[in-house]
ModelCIF file with pLDDT and N, C-alpha, C, O atoms, coordinates in Angstrom:
data_MODEL
#
_entry.id   MODEL 
#
_entity.id                         1 
_entity.type                       polymer 
_entity.pdbx_number_of_molecules   1 
#
_entity_poly.entity_id                      1 
_entity_poly.type                           'polypeptide(L)' 
_entity_poly.nstd_linkage                   no 
_entity_poly.nstd_monomer                   no 
_entity_poly.pdbx_seq_one_letter_code       
;(UNK)(UNK)(UNK)(UNK)(UNK)(UNK)(UNK)(UNK)(UNK)(UNK)(UNK)(UNK)(UNK)(UNK)(UNK)(UNK)
(UNK)(UNK)(UNK)(UNK)(UNK)(UNK)(UNK)(UNK)(UNK)(UNK)(UNK)(UNK)(UNK)(UNK)(UNK)(UNK)
(UNK)(UNK)(UNK)(UNK)(UNK)(UNK)(UNK)(UNK)(UNK)
;
_entity_poly.pdbx_seq_one_letter_code_can   XXXXXXXXXXXXXXXXXXXXXXXXXXXXXXXXXXXXXXXXX 
_entity_poly.pdbx_strand_id                 A 
#
loop_
_entity_poly_seq.entity_id 
_entity_poly_seq.num 
_entity_poly_seq.mon_id 
_entity_poly_seq.hetero 
1 1  UNK n 
1 2  UNK n 
1 3  UNK n 
1 4  UNK n 
1 5  UNK n 
1 6  UNK n 
1 7  UNK n 
1 8  UNK n 
1 9  UNK n 
1 10 UNK n 
1 11 UNK n 
1 12 UNK n 
1 13 UNK n 
1 14 UNK n 
1 15 UNK n 
1 16 UNK n 
1 17 UNK n 
1 18 UNK n 
1 19 UNK n 
1 20 UNK n 
1 21 UNK n 
1 22 UNK n 
1 23 UNK n 
1 24 UNK n 
1 25 UNK n 
1 26 UNK n 
1 27 UNK n 
1 28 UNK n 
1 29 UNK n 
1 30 UNK n 
1 31 UNK n 
1 32 UNK n 
1 33 UNK n 
1 34 UNK n 
1 35 UNK n 
1 36 UNK n 
1 37 UNK n 
1 38 UNK n 
1 39 UNK n 
1 40 UNK n 
1 41 UNK n 
#
_struct_asym.id          A 
_struct_asym.entity_id   1 
#
loop_
_ma_qa_metric.id 
_ma_qa_metric.mode 
_ma_qa_metric.name 
_ma_qa_metric.software_group_id 
_ma_qa_metric.type 
1 global pLDDT . pLDDT 
2 local  pLDDT . pLDDT 
#
_ma_qa_metric_global.metric_id      1 
_ma_qa_metric_global.metric_value   96.51 
_ma_qa_metric_global.model_id       1 
_ma_qa_metric_global.ordinal_id     1 
#
loop_
_ma_qa_metric_local.label_asym_id 
_ma_qa_metric_local.label_comp_id 
_ma_qa_metric_local.label_seq_id 
_ma_qa_metric_local.metric_id 
_ma_qa_metric_local.metric_value 
_ma_qa_metric_local.model_id 
_ma_qa_metric_local.ordinal_id 
A UNK 1  2 97.00 1 1  
A UNK 2  2 96.00 1 2  
A UNK 3  2 96.00 1 3  
A UNK 4  2 95.00 1 4  
A UNK 5  2 91.00 1 5  
A UNK 6  2 94.00 1 6  
A UNK 7  2 95.00 1 7  
A UNK 8  2 95.00 1 8  
A UNK 9  2 97.00 1 9  
A UNK 10 2 98.00 1 10 
A UNK 11 2 98.00 1 11 
A UNK 12 2 98.00 1 12 
A UNK 13 2 98.00 1 13 
A UNK 14 2 98.00 1 14 
A UNK 15 2 97.00 1 15 
A UNK 16 2 96.00 1 16 
A UNK 17 2 96.00 1 17 
A UNK 18 2 96.00 1 18 
A UNK 19 2 96.00 1 19 
A UNK 20 2 97.00 1 20 
A UNK 21 2 97.00 1 21 
A UNK 22 2 97.00 1 22 
A UNK 23 2 97.00 1 23 
A UNK 24 2 97.00 1 24 
A UNK 25 2 97.00 1 25 
A UNK 26 2 97.00 1 26 
A UNK 27 2 97.00 1 27 
A UNK 28 2 97.00 1 28 
A UNK 29 2 97.00 1 29 
A UNK 30 2 97.00 1 30 
A UNK 31 2 97.00 1 31 
A UNK 32 2 97.00 1 32 
A UNK 33 2 97.00 1 33 
A UNK 34 2 98.00 1 34 
A UNK 35 2 97.00 1 35 
A UNK 36 2 97.00 1 36 
A UNK 37 2 96.00 1 37 
A UNK 38 2 96.00 1 38 
A UNK 39 2 95.00 1 39 
A UNK 40 2 96.00 1 40 
A UNK 41 2 97.00 1 41 
#
loop_
_atom_site.group_PDB 
_atom_site.id 
_atom_site.type_symbol 
_atom_site.label_atom_id 
_atom_site.label_alt_id 
_atom_site.label_comp_id 
_atom_site.label_asym_id 
_atom_site.label_entity_id 
_atom_site.label_seq_id 
_atom_site.pdbx_PDB_ins_code 
_atom_site.Cartn_x 
_atom_site.Cartn_y 
_atom_site.Cartn_z 
_atom_site.occupancy 
_atom_site.B_iso_or_equiv 
_atom_site.pdbx_formal_charge 
_atom_site.auth_seq_id 
_atom_site.auth_comp_id 
_atom_site.auth_asym_id 
_atom_site.auth_atom_id 
_atom_site.pdbx_PDB_model_num 
ATOM 1   N N  . UNK A 1 1  ? 1.991  -16.631 -41.894 1.00 97.00 ? 1  UNK A N  1 
ATOM 2   C CA . UNK A 1 1  ? 0.785  -17.175 -42.516 1.00 97.00 ? 1  UNK A CA 1 
ATOM 3   C C  . UNK A 1 1  ? -0.094 -17.855 -41.467 1.00 97.00 ? 1  UNK A C  1 
ATOM 4   O O  . UNK A 1 1  ? -1.319 -17.737 -41.503 1.00 97.00 ? 1  UNK A O  1 
ATOM 5   N N  . UNK A 1 2  ? 0.534  -18.561 -40.540 1.00 96.00 ? 2  UNK A N  1 
ATOM 6   C CA . UNK A 1 2  ? -0.218 -19.207 -39.463 1.00 96.00 ? 2  UNK A CA 1 
ATOM 7   C C  . UNK A 1 2  ? -0.844 -18.170 -38.541 1.00 96.00 ? 2  UNK A C  1 
ATOM 8   O O  . UNK A 1 2  ? -1.976 -18.341 -38.090 1.00 96.00 ? 2  UNK A O  1 
ATOM 9   N N  . UNK A 1 3  ? -0.115 -17.100 -38.260 1.00 96.00 ? 3  UNK A N  1 
ATOM 10  C CA . UNK A 1 3  ? -0.632 -16.030 -37.401 1.00 96.00 ? 3  UNK A CA 1 
ATOM 11  C C  . UNK A 1 3  ? -1.838 -15.347 -38.019 1.00 96.00 ? 3  UNK A C  1 
ATOM 12  O O  . UNK A 1 3  ? -2.733 -14.889 -37.308 1.00 96.00 ? 3  UNK A O  1 
ATOM 13  N N  . UNK A 1 4  ? -1.861 -15.280 -39.337 1.00 95.00 ? 4  UNK A N  1 
ATOM 14  C CA . UNK A 1 4  ? -2.971 -14.618 -40.036 1.00 95.00 ? 4  UNK A CA 1 
ATOM 15  C C  . UNK A 1 4  ? -4.307 -15.226 -39.647 1.00 95.00 ? 4  UNK A C  1 
ATOM 16  O O  . UNK A 1 4  ? -5.311 -14.525 -39.521 1.00 95.00 ? 4  UNK A O  1 
ATOM 17  N N  . UNK A 1 5  ? -4.304 -16.528 -39.458 1.00 91.00 ? 5  UNK A N  1 
ATOM 18  C CA . UNK A 1 5  ? -5.540 -17.219 -39.116 1.00 91.00 ? 5  UNK A CA 1 
ATOM 19  C C  . UNK A 1 5  ? -5.812 -17.224 -37.620 1.00 91.00 ? 5  UNK A C  1 
ATOM 20  O O  . UNK A 1 5  ? -6.957 -17.368 -37.191 1.00 91.00 ? 5  UNK A O  1 
ATOM 21  N N  . UNK A 1 6  ? -4.757 -17.067 -36.826 1.00 94.00 ? 6  UNK A N  1 
ATOM 22  C CA . UNK A 1 6  ? -4.898 -17.133 -35.372 1.00 94.00 ? 6  UNK A CA 1 
ATOM 23  C C  . UNK A 1 6  ? -5.272 -15.791 -34.747 1.00 94.00 ? 6  UNK A C  1 
ATOM 24  O O  . UNK A 1 6  ? -5.973 -15.742 -33.736 1.00 94.00 ? 6  UNK A O  1 
ATOM 25  N N  . UNK A 1 7  ? -4.801 -14.708 -35.352 1.00 95.00 ? 7  UNK A N  1 
ATOM 26  C CA . UNK A 1 7  ? -4.986 -13.386 -34.732 1.00 95.00 ? 7  UNK A CA 1 
ATOM 27  C C  . UNK A 1 7  ? -5.345 -12.365 -35.805 1.00 95.00 ? 7  UNK A C  1 
ATOM 28  O O  . UNK A 1 7  ? -4.499 -11.995 -36.619 1.00 95.00 ? 7  UNK A O  1 
ATOM 29  N N  . UNK A 1 8  ? -6.575 -11.916 -35.810 1.00 95.00 ? 8  UNK A N  1 
ATOM 30  C CA . UNK A 1 8  ? -7.037 -10.985 -36.841 1.00 95.00 ? 8  UNK A CA 1 
ATOM 31  C C  . UNK A 1 8  ? -6.458 -9.585  -36.682 1.00 95.00 ? 8  UNK A C  1 
ATOM 32  O O  . UNK A 1 8  ? -6.606 -8.748  -37.572 1.00 95.00 ? 8  UNK A O  1 
ATOM 33  N N  . UNK A 1 9  ? -5.800 -9.323  -35.551 1.00 97.00 ? 9  UNK A N  1 
ATOM 34  C CA . UNK A 1 9  ? -5.190 -8.009  -35.348 1.00 97.00 ? 9  UNK A CA 1 
ATOM 35  C C  . UNK A 1 9  ? -3.796 -7.900  -35.962 1.00 97.00 ? 9  UNK A C  1 
ATOM 36  O O  . UNK A 1 9  ? -3.236 -6.807  -36.053 1.00 97.00 ? 9  UNK A O  1 
ATOM 37  N N  . UNK A 1 10 ? -3.241 -9.037  -36.381 1.00 98.00 ? 10 UNK A N  1 
ATOM 38  C CA . UNK A 1 10 ? -1.911 -9.009  -37.004 1.00 98.00 ? 10 UNK A CA 1 
ATOM 39  C C  . UNK A 1 10 ? -2.025 -8.463  -38.420 1.00 98.00 ? 10 UNK A C  1 
ATOM 40  O O  . UNK A 1 10 ? -2.829 -8.941  -39.221 1.00 98.00 ? 10 UNK A O  1 
ATOM 41  N N  . UNK A 1 11 ? -1.204 -7.450  -38.719 1.00 98.00 ? 11 UNK A N  1 
ATOM 42  C CA . UNK A 1 11 ? -1.121 -6.882  -40.062 1.00 98.00 ? 11 UNK A CA 1 
ATOM 43  C C  . UNK A 1 11 ? 0.351  -6.879  -40.470 1.00 98.00 ? 11 UNK A C  1 
ATOM 44  O O  . UNK A 1 11 ? 1.240  -6.841  -39.619 1.00 98.00 ? 11 UNK A O  1 
ATOM 45  N N  . UNK A 1 12 ? 0.592  -6.920  -41.754 1.00 98.00 ? 12 UNK A N  1 
ATOM 46  C CA . UNK A 1 12 ? 1.972  -7.008  -42.244 1.00 98.00 ? 12 UNK A CA 1 
ATOM 47  C C  . UNK A 1 12 ? 2.230  -5.931  -43.288 1.00 98.00 ? 12 UNK A C  1 
ATOM 48  O O  . UNK A 1 12 ? 1.424  -5.718  -44.193 1.00 98.00 ? 12 UNK A O  1 
ATOM 49  N N  . UNK A 1 13 ? 3.368  -5.255  -43.147 1.00 98.00 ? 13 UNK A N  1 
ATOM 50  C CA . UNK A 1 13 ? 3.790  -4.242  -44.108 1.00 98.00 ? 13 UNK A CA 1 
ATOM 51  C C  . UNK A 1 13 ? 5.160  -4.632  -44.656 1.00 98.00 ? 13 UNK A C  1 
ATOM 52  O O  . UNK A 1 13 ? 6.006  -5.154  -43.930 1.00 98.00 ? 13 UNK A O  1 
ATOM 53  N N  . UNK A 1 14 ? 5.367  -4.372  -45.942 1.00 98.00 ? 14 UNK A N  1 
ATOM 54  C CA . UNK A 1 14 ? 6.645  -4.703  -46.566 1.00 98.00 ? 14 UNK A CA 1 
ATOM 55  C C  . UNK A 1 14 ? 7.063  -3.584  -47.505 1.00 98.00 ? 14 UNK A C  1 
ATOM 56  O O  . UNK A 1 14 ? 6.230  -2.899  -48.098 1.00 98.00 ? 14 UNK A O  1 
ATOM 57  N N  . UNK A 1 15 ? 8.396  -3.413  -47.625 1.00 97.00 ? 15 UNK A N  1 
ATOM 58  C CA . UNK A 1 15 ? 8.938  -2.344  -48.464 1.00 97.00 ? 15 UNK A CA 1 
ATOM 59  C C  . UNK A 1 15 ? 9.323  -2.889  -49.841 1.00 97.00 ? 15 UNK A C  1 
ATOM 60  O O  . UNK A 1 15 ? 10.469 -2.769  -50.272 1.00 97.00 ? 15 UNK A O  1 
ATOM 61  N N  . UNK A 1 16 ? 8.349  -3.485  -50.515 1.00 96.00 ? 16 UNK A N  1 
ATOM 62  C CA . UNK A 1 16 ? 8.509  -3.962  -51.891 1.00 96.00 ? 16 UNK A CA 1 
ATOM 63  C C  . UNK A 1 16 ? 9.529  -5.092  -52.019 1.00 96.00 ? 16 UNK A C  1 
ATOM 64  O O  . UNK A 1 16 ? 10.216 -5.216  -53.033 1.00 96.00 ? 16 UNK A O  1 
ATOM 65  N N  . UNK A 1 17 ? 9.613  -5.915  -50.964 1.00 96.00 ? 17 UNK A N  1 
ATOM 66  C CA . UNK A 1 17 ? 10.553 -7.044  -50.989 1.00 96.00 ? 17 UNK A CA 1 
ATOM 67  C C  . UNK A 1 17 ? 9.886  -8.325  -50.497 1.00 96.00 ? 17 UNK A C  1 
ATOM 68  O O  . UNK A 1 17 ? 10.558 -9.218  -49.980 1.00 96.00 ? 17 UNK A O  1 
ATOM 69  N N  . UNK A 1 18 ? 8.579  -8.415  -50.655 1.00 96.00 ? 18 UNK A N  1 
ATOM 70  C CA . UNK A 1 18 ? 7.834  -9.500  -50.010 1.00 96.00 ? 18 UNK A CA 1 
ATOM 71  C C  . UNK A 1 18 ? 8.247  -10.898 -50.448 1.00 96.00 ? 18 UNK A C  1 
ATOM 72  O O  . UNK A 1 18 ? 8.164  -11.839 -49.658 1.00 96.00 ? 18 UNK A O  1 
ATOM 73  N N  . UNK A 1 19 ? 8.691  -11.051 -51.698 1.00 96.00 ? 19 UNK A N  1 
ATOM 74  C CA . UNK A 1 19 ? 9.133  -12.376 -52.137 1.00 96.00 ? 19 UNK A CA 1 
ATOM 75  C C  . UNK A 1 19 ? 10.452 -12.768 -51.494 1.00 96.00 ? 19 UNK A C  1 
ATOM 76  O O  . UNK A 1 19 ? 10.723 -13.951 -51.286 1.00 96.00 ? 19 UNK A O  1 
ATOM 77  N N  . UNK A 1 20 ? 11.270 -11.773 -51.179 1.00 97.00 ? 20 UNK A N  1 
ATOM 78  C CA . UNK A 1 20 ? 12.557 -12.042 -50.530 1.00 97.00 ? 20 UNK A CA 1 
ATOM 79  C C  . UNK A 1 20 ? 12.420 -12.174 -49.015 1.00 97.00 ? 20 UNK A C  1 
ATOM 80  O O  . UNK A 1 20 ? 13.062 -13.027 -48.403 1.00 97.00 ? 20 UNK A O  1 
ATOM 81  N N  . UNK A 1 21 ? 11.586 -11.332 -48.414 1.00 97.00 ? 21 UNK A N  1 
ATOM 82  C CA . UNK A 1 21 ? 11.395 -11.389 -46.968 1.00 97.00 ? 21 UNK A CA 1 
ATOM 83  C C  . UNK A 1 21 ? 10.409 -12.480 -46.564 1.00 97.00 ? 21 UNK A C  1 
ATOM 84  O O  . UNK A 1 21 ? 10.306 -12.835 -45.390 1.00 97.00 ? 21 UNK A O  1 
ATOM 85  N N  . UNK A 1 22 ? 9.690  -13.006 -47.549 1.00 97.00 ? 22 UNK A N  1 
ATOM 86  C CA . UNK A 1 22 ? 8.705  -14.087 -47.382 1.00 97.00 ? 22 UNK A CA 1 
ATOM 87  C C  . UNK A 1 22 ? 7.406  -13.631 -46.728 1.00 97.00 ? 22 UNK A C  1 
ATOM 88  O O  . UNK A 1 22 ? 6.601  -14.464 -46.310 1.00 97.00 ? 22 UNK A O  1 
ATOM 89  N N  . UNK A 1 23 ? 7.190  -12.324 -46.635 1.00 97.00 ? 23 UNK A N  1 
ATOM 90  C CA . UNK A 1 23 ? 5.881  -11.863 -46.171 1.00 97.00 ? 23 UNK A CA 1 
ATOM 91  C C  . UNK A 1 23 ? 4.803  -12.155 -47.211 1.00 97.00 ? 23 UNK A C  1 
ATOM 92  O O  . UNK A 1 23 ? 3.611  -12.020 -46.932 1.00 97.00 ? 23 UNK A O  1 
ATOM 93  N N  . UNK A 1 24 ? 5.223  -12.553 -48.407 1.00 97.00 ? 24 UNK A N  1 
ATOM 94  C CA . UNK A 1 24 ? 4.274  -12.951 -49.445 1.00 97.00 ? 24 UNK A CA 1 
ATOM 95  C C  . UNK A 1 24 ? 3.400  -14.102 -48.960 1.00 97.00 ? 24 UNK A C  1 
ATOM 96  O O  . UNK A 1 24 ? 2.266  -14.255 -49.414 1.00 97.00 ? 24 UNK A O  1 
ATOM 97  N N  . UNK A 1 25 ? 3.920  -14.909 -48.043 1.00 97.00 ? 25 UNK A N  1 
ATOM 98  C CA . UNK A 1 25 ? 3.130  -16.023 -47.490 1.00 97.00 ? 25 UNK A CA 1 
ATOM 99  C C  . UNK A 1 25 ? 1.899  -15.497 -46.753 1.00 97.00 ? 25 UNK A C  1 
ATOM 100 O O  . UNK A 1 25 ? 0.813  -16.070 -46.847 1.00 97.00 ? 25 UNK A O  1 
ATOM 101 N N  . UNK A 1 26 ? 2.084  -14.400 -46.018 1.00 97.00 ? 26 UNK A N  1 
ATOM 102 C CA . UNK A 1 26 ? 0.961  -13.772 -45.313 1.00 97.00 ? 26 UNK A CA 1 
ATOM 103 C C  . UNK A 1 26 ? 0.006  -13.140 -46.311 1.00 97.00 ? 26 UNK A C  1 
ATOM 104 O O  . UNK A 1 26 ? -1.212 -13.247 -46.166 1.00 97.00 ? 26 UNK A O  1 
ATOM 105 N N  . UNK A 1 27 ? 0.547  -12.490 -47.311 1.00 97.00 ? 27 UNK A N  1 
ATOM 106 C CA . UNK A 1 27 ? -0.274 -11.817 -48.322 1.00 97.00 ? 27 UNK A CA 1 
ATOM 107 C C  . UNK A 1 27 ? -1.191 -12.797 -49.043 1.00 97.00 ? 27 UNK A C  1 
ATOM 108 O O  . UNK A 1 27 ? -2.297 -12.436 -49.445 1.00 97.00 ? 27 UNK A O  1 
ATOM 109 N N  . UNK A 1 28 ? -0.741 -14.012 -49.203 1.00 97.00 ? 28 UNK A N  1 
ATOM 110 C CA . UNK A 1 28 ? -1.530 -15.026 -49.907 1.00 97.00 ? 28 UNK A CA 1 
ATOM 111 C C  . UNK A 1 28 ? -2.772 -15.443 -49.117 1.00 97.00 ? 28 UNK A C  1 
ATOM 112 O O  . UNK A 1 28 ? -3.803 -15.774 -49.702 1.00 97.00 ? 28 UNK A O  1 
ATOM 113 N N  . UNK A 1 29 ? -2.667 -15.424 -47.788 1.00 97.00 ? 29 UNK A N  1 
ATOM 114 C CA . UNK A 1 29 ? -3.796 -15.894 -46.972 1.00 97.00 ? 29 UNK A CA 1 
ATOM 115 C C  . UNK A 1 29 ? -4.608 -14.752 -46.370 1.00 97.00 ? 29 UNK A C  1 
ATOM 116 O O  . UNK A 1 29 ? -5.767 -14.943 -45.999 1.00 97.00 ? 29 UNK A O  1 
ATOM 117 N N  . UNK A 1 30 ? -4.005 -13.563 -46.269 1.00 97.00 ? 30 UNK A N  1 
ATOM 118 C CA . UNK A 1 30 ? -4.731 -12.424 -45.693 1.00 97.00 ? 30 UNK A CA 1 
ATOM 119 C C  . UNK A 1 30 ? -4.401 -11.158 -46.469 1.00 97.00 ? 30 UNK A C  1 
ATOM 120 O O  . UNK A 1 30 ? -3.818 -10.232 -45.905 1.00 97.00 ? 30 UNK A O  1 
ATOM 121 N N  . UNK A 1 31 ? -4.761 -11.095 -47.758 1.00 97.00 ? 31 UNK A N  1 
ATOM 122 C CA . UNK A 1 31 ? -4.393 -9.932  -48.586 1.00 97.00 ? 31 UNK A CA 1 
ATOM 123 C C  . UNK A 1 31 ? -4.952 -8.617  -48.086 1.00 97.00 ? 31 UNK A C  1 
ATOM 124 O O  . UNK A 1 31 ? -4.359 -7.566  -48.328 1.00 97.00 ? 31 UNK A O  1 
ATOM 125 N N  . UNK A 1 32 ? -6.074 -8.650  -47.398 1.00 97.00 ? 32 UNK A N  1 
ATOM 126 C CA . UNK A 1 32 ? -6.687 -7.417  -46.906 1.00 97.00 ? 32 UNK A CA 1 
ATOM 127 C C  . UNK A 1 32 ? -5.928 -6.829  -45.725 1.00 97.00 ? 32 UNK A C  1 
ATOM 128 O O  . UNK A 1 32 ? -6.168 -5.685  -45.340 1.00 97.00 ? 32 UNK A O  1 
ATOM 129 N N  . UNK A 1 33 ? -4.998 -7.616  -45.136 1.00 97.00 ? 33 UNK A N  1 
ATOM 130 C CA . UNK A 1 33 ? -4.202 -7.138  -43.999 1.00 97.00 ? 33 UNK A CA 1 
ATOM 131 C C  . UNK A 1 33 ? -2.721 -7.041  -44.354 1.00 97.00 ? 33 UNK A C  1 
ATOM 132 O O  . UNK A 1 33 ? -1.864 -6.957  -43.474 1.00 97.00 ? 33 UNK A O  1 
ATOM 133 N N  . UNK A 1 34 ? -2.433 -7.054  -45.655 1.00 98.00 ? 34 UNK A N  1 
ATOM 134 C CA . UNK A 1 34 ? -1.057 -6.920  -46.122 1.00 98.00 ? 34 UNK A CA 1 
ATOM 135 C C  . UNK A 1 34 ? -0.913 -5.628  -46.921 1.00 98.00 ? 34 UNK A C  1 
ATOM 136 O O  . UNK A 1 34 ? -1.737 -5.321  -47.782 1.00 98.00 ? 34 UNK A O  1 
ATOM 137 N N  . UNK A 1 35 ? 0.149  -4.874  -46.621 1.00 97.00 ? 35 UNK A N  1 
ATOM 138 C CA . UNK A 1 35 ? 0.347  -3.584  -47.283 1.00 97.00 ? 35 UNK A CA 1 
ATOM 139 C C  . UNK A 1 35 ? 1.772  -3.468  -47.819 1.00 97.00 ? 35 UNK A C  1 
ATOM 140 O O  . UNK A 1 35 ? 2.739  -3.504  -47.058 1.00 97.00 ? 35 UNK A O  1 
ATOM 141 N N  . UNK A 1 36 ? 1.886  -3.331  -49.126 1.00 97.00 ? 36 UNK A N  1 
ATOM 142 C CA . UNK A 1 36 ? 3.176  -3.057  -49.743 1.00 97.00 ? 36 UNK A CA 1 
ATOM 143 C C  . UNK A 1 36 ? 3.316  -1.546  -49.843 1.00 97.00 ? 36 UNK A C  1 
ATOM 144 O O  . UNK A 1 36 ? 2.629  -0.905  -50.638 1.00 97.00 ? 36 UNK A O  1 
ATOM 145 N N  . UNK A 1 37 ? 4.201  -0.980  -49.043 1.00 96.00 ? 37 UNK A N  1 
ATOM 146 C CA . UNK A 1 37 ? 4.329  0.482   -48.992 1.00 96.00 ? 37 UNK A CA 1 
ATOM 147 C C  . UNK A 1 37 ? 5.323  1.008   -50.023 1.00 96.00 ? 37 UNK A C  1 
ATOM 148 O O  . UNK A 1 37 ? 5.533  2.216   -50.132 1.00 96.00 ? 37 UNK A O  1 
ATOM 149 N N  . UNK A 1 38 ? 5.935  0.091   -50.780 1.00 96.00 ? 38 UNK A N  1 
ATOM 150 C CA . UNK A 1 38 ? 6.952  0.518   -51.734 1.00 96.00 ? 38 UNK A CA 1 
ATOM 151 C C  . UNK A 1 38 ? 8.303  0.685   -51.053 1.00 96.00 ? 38 UNK A C  1 
ATOM 152 O O  . UNK A 1 38 ? 8.475  0.351   -49.880 1.00 96.00 ? 38 UNK A O  1 
ATOM 153 N N  . UNK A 1 39 ? 9.259  1.210   -51.819 1.00 95.00 ? 39 UNK A N  1 
ATOM 154 C CA . UNK A 1 39 ? 10.612 1.375   -51.276 1.00 95.00 ? 39 UNK A CA 1 
ATOM 155 C C  . UNK A 1 39 ? 10.618 2.621   -50.390 1.00 95.00 ? 39 UNK A C  1 
ATOM 156 O O  . UNK A 1 39 ? 11.114 3.678   -50.780 1.00 95.00 ? 39 UNK A O  1 
ATOM 157 N N  . UNK A 1 40 ? 10.056 2.473   -49.192 1.00 96.00 ? 40 UNK A N  1 
ATOM 158 C CA . UNK A 1 40 ? 9.845  3.614   -48.289 1.00 96.00 ? 40 UNK A CA 1 
ATOM 159 C C  . UNK A 1 40 ? 9.828  3.120   -46.845 1.00 96.00 ? 40 UNK A C  1 
ATOM 160 O O  . UNK A 1 40 ? 8.795  3.149   -46.175 1.00 96.00 ? 40 UNK A O  1 
ATOM 161 N N  . UNK A 1 41 ? 10.981 2.669   -46.384 1.00 97.00 ? 41 UNK A N  1 
ATOM 162 C CA . UNK A 1 41 ? 11.065 2.073   -45.044 1.00 97.00 ? 41 UNK A CA 1 
ATOM 163 C C  . UNK A 1 41 ? 10.698 3.058   -43.938 1.00 97.00 ? 41 UNK A C  1 
ATOM 164 O O  . UNK A 1 41 ? 10.723 2.701   -42.761 1.00 97.00 ? 41 UNK A O  1 
#
């Protein structure tokens, strides 16, 4: 989440586990740079 504000080139992808992996924190502050690809690692 802190990186989202520091570096606009950082993007985050998750395999439908964002609440468990905690990438949801990034999604909350930079939703346009967060991608849930589904169960497809």
